[in-house]
C-alpha atoms as a PDB file:
ATOM      1  CA  MET A   1       0.007   0.013  -0.019  1.00  0.00           C
ATOM      2  CA  ILE A   2       1.396   3.372  -0.996  1.00  0.00           C
ATOM      3  CA  GLU A   3       1.513   5.422   2.225  1.00  0.00           C
ATOM      4  CA  ARG A   4       0.823   8.824   0.727  1.00  0.00           C
ATOM      5  CA  TYR A   5      -2.342   7.588  -1.016  1.00  0.00           C
ATOM      6  CA  SER A   6      -3.848   5.728   1.901  1.00  0.00           C
ATOM      7  CA  TYR A   7      -5.857   6.760   4.897  1.00  0.00           C
ATOM      8  CA  PRO A   8      -4.694   5.629   8.349  1.00  0.00           C
ATOM      9  CA  GLU A   9      -7.748   3.423   8.613  1.00  0.00           C
ATOM     10  CA  MET A  10      -6.821   1.598   5.377  1.00  0.00           C
ATOM     11  CA  ARG A  11      -3.205   1.181   6.454  1.00  0.00           C
ATOM     12  CA  THR A  12      -4.401  -0.442   9.701  1.00  0.00           C
ATOM     13  CA  LEU A  13      -6.591  -2.875   7.743  1.00  0.00           C
ATOM     14  CA  TRP A  14      -3.653  -4.011   5.592  1.00  0.00           C
ATOM     15  CA  GLU A  15      -0.967  -4.212   8.280  1.00  0.00           C
ATOM     16  CA  PRO A  16       0.574  -7.691   8.532  1.00  0.00           C
ATOM     17  CA  GLU A  17      -0.485  -8.158  12.158  1.00  0.00           C
ATOM     18  CA  ASN A  18      -4.109  -7.482  11.363  1.00  0.00           C
ATOM     19  CA  LYS A  19      -3.948  -9.972   8.476  1.00  0.00           C
ATOM     20  CA  TYR A  20      -2.510 -12.666  10.741  1.00  0.00           C
ATOM     21  CA  ARG A  21      -5.149 -11.974  13.412  1.00  0.00           C
ATOM     22  CA  LYS A  22      -7.849 -12.491  10.779  1.00  0.00           C
ATOM     23  CA  TRP A  23      -6.195 -15.725   9.633  1.00  0.00           C
ATOM     24  CA  LEU A  24      -5.937 -16.897  13.218  1.00  0.00           C
ATOM     25  CA  GLU A  25      -9.620 -16.178  13.842  1.00  0.00           C
ATOM     26  CA  VAL A  26     -10.634 -18.189  10.743  1.00  0.00           C
ATOM     27  CA  GLU A  27      -8.454 -21.115  11.862  1.00  0.00           C
ATOM     28  CA  LEU A  28      -9.943 -20.991  15.394  1.00  0.00           C
ATOM     29  CA  LEU A  29     -13.473 -20.979  13.981  1.00  0.00           C
ATOM     30  CA  VAL A  30     -12.620 -23.980  11.827  1.00  0.00           C
ATOM     31  CA  ALA A  31     -11.221 -25.826  14.816  1.00  0.00           C
ATOM     32  CA  GLU A  32     -14.315 -25.032  16.808  1.00  0.00           C
ATOM     33  CA  GLY A  33     -16.535 -26.240  13.948  1.00  0.00           C
ATOM     34  CA  TRP A  34     -14.566 -29.442  13.769  1.00  0.00           C
ATOM     35  CA  ALA A  35     -15.029 -29.914  17.464  1.00  0.00           C
ATOM     36  CA  GLU A  36     -18.748 -29.557  17.059  1.00  0.00           C
ATOM     37  CA  ILE A  37     -18.881 -32.344  14.557  1.00  0.00           C
ATOM     38  CA  GLY A  38     -16.353 -34.515  16.337  1.00  0.00           C
ATOM     39  CA  ARG A  39     -13.341 -34.195  14.017  1.00  0.00           C
ATOM     40  CA  LEU A  40     -11.302 -32.569  16.754  1.00  0.00           C
ATOM     41  CA  PRO A  41     -11.517 -32.996  20.535  1.00  0.00           C
ATOM     42  CA  ALA A  42     -13.462 -30.193  22.126  1.00  0.00           C
ATOM     43  CA  ASP A  43     -10.728 -29.526  24.661  1.00  0.00           C
ATOM     44  CA  ALA A  44      -8.189 -29.086  21.827  1.00  0.00           C
ATOM     45  CA  ALA A  45     -10.346 -26.406  20.202  1.00  0.00           C
ATOM     46  CA  ALA A  46     -10.756 -24.709  23.565  1.00  0.00           C
ATOM     47  CA  ARG A  47      -6.982 -24.778  24.193  1.00  0.00           C
ATOM     48  CA  LEU A  48      -6.373 -23.275  20.764  1.00  0.00           C
ATOM     49  CA  ARG A  49      -8.814 -20.481  21.445  1.00  0.00           C
ATOM     50  CA  ALA A  50      -7.263 -19.844  24.898  1.00  0.00           C
ATOM     51  CA  ASN A  51      -3.668 -19.862  23.693  1.00  0.00           C
ATOM     52  CA  GLY A  52      -3.931 -18.776  20.063  1.00  0.00           C
ATOM     53  CA  ASP A  53      -3.349 -15.126  20.856  1.00  0.00           C
ATOM     54  CA  ARG A  54       0.086 -16.008  22.313  1.00  0.00           C
ATOM     55  CA  MET A  55       1.212 -16.674  18.742  1.00  0.00           C
ATOM     56  CA  LEU A  56       0.596 -13.045  17.919  1.00  0.00           C
ATOM     57  CA  GLY A  57       2.553 -11.597  20.838  1.00  0.00           C
ATOM     58  CA  PRO A  58       5.373  -9.073  20.521  1.00  0.00           C
ATOM     59  CA  ASP A  59       8.024 -11.759  20.201  1.00  0.00           C
ATOM     60  CA  PHE A  60       6.188 -13.615  17.429  1.00  0.00           C
ATOM     61  CA  ASP A  61       8.219 -13.600  14.216  1.00  0.00           C
ATOM     62  CA  PHE A  62       5.792 -13.027  11.333  1.00  0.00           C
ATOM     63  CA  ARG A  63       8.545 -13.041   8.778  1.00  0.00           C
ATOM     64  CA  ALA A  64       9.739 -16.483   9.808  1.00  0.00           C
ATOM     65  CA  VAL A  65       6.248 -17.908   9.527  1.00  0.00           C
ATOM     66  CA  VAL A  66       5.725 -16.425   6.078  1.00  0.00           C
ATOM     67  CA  GLU A  67       9.142 -17.633   4.897  1.00  0.00           C
ATOM     68  CA  ARG A  68       8.445 -21.164   6.167  1.00  0.00           C
ATOM     69  CA  MET A  69       4.986 -21.202   4.508  1.00  0.00           C
ATOM     70  CA  LEU A  70       6.543 -20.120   1.216  1.00  0.00           C
ATOM     71  CA  GLU A  71       9.244 -22.691   1.618  1.00  0.00           C
ATOM     72  CA  LEU A  72       6.722 -25.469   2.160  1.00  0.00           C
ATOM     73  CA  GLU A  73       4.523 -24.321  -0.656  1.00  0.00           C
ATOM     74  CA  ALA A  74       7.479 -24.603  -3.047  1.00  0.00           C
ATOM     75  CA  MET A  75       8.166 -28.191  -2.087  1.00  0.00           C
ATOM     76  CA  PRO A  76       6.650 -31.048  -4.039  1.00  0.00           C
ATOM     77  CA  PRO A  77       3.874 -32.684  -1.903  1.00  0.00           C
ATOM     78  CA  ALA A  78       5.793 -35.935  -1.439  1.00  0.00           C
ATOM     79  CA  SER A  79       8.744 -34.127   0.106  1.00  0.00           C
ATOM     80  CA  CYS A  80       6.799 -32.018   2.619  1.00  0.00           C
ATOM     81  CA  PRO A  81       7.560 -33.001   6.195  1.00  0.00           C
ATOM     82  CA  SER A  82       4.776 -34.766   7.954  1.00  0.00           C
ATOM     83  CA  PRO A  83       3.571 -33.453  11.324  1.00  0.00           C
ATOM     84  CA  ALA A  84       4.840 -36.630  13.024  1.00  0.00           C
ATOM     85  CA  SER A  85       8.414 -35.979  11.781  1.00  0.00           C
ATOM     86  CA  ARG A  86       8.730 -32.590  13.588  1.00  0.00           C
END
């Protein structure tokens, strides 16, 4: 966003932290929906909701997350690490 052409309200909407907060909210709502239909334990969804905001604290490295996401997206599906291997 070009600073001189944008209003403060618009800049706030497009700040990286706001974008990640919106993404987090969507993921939390999905987890809660999965808990309602039994695909995820209800206590796991509750723990995600209770602790999710910690991921957006002042020491959270947005750049590292984005870089890792881009790195994983560039990998062929067969070579992506499975959650169990972490």
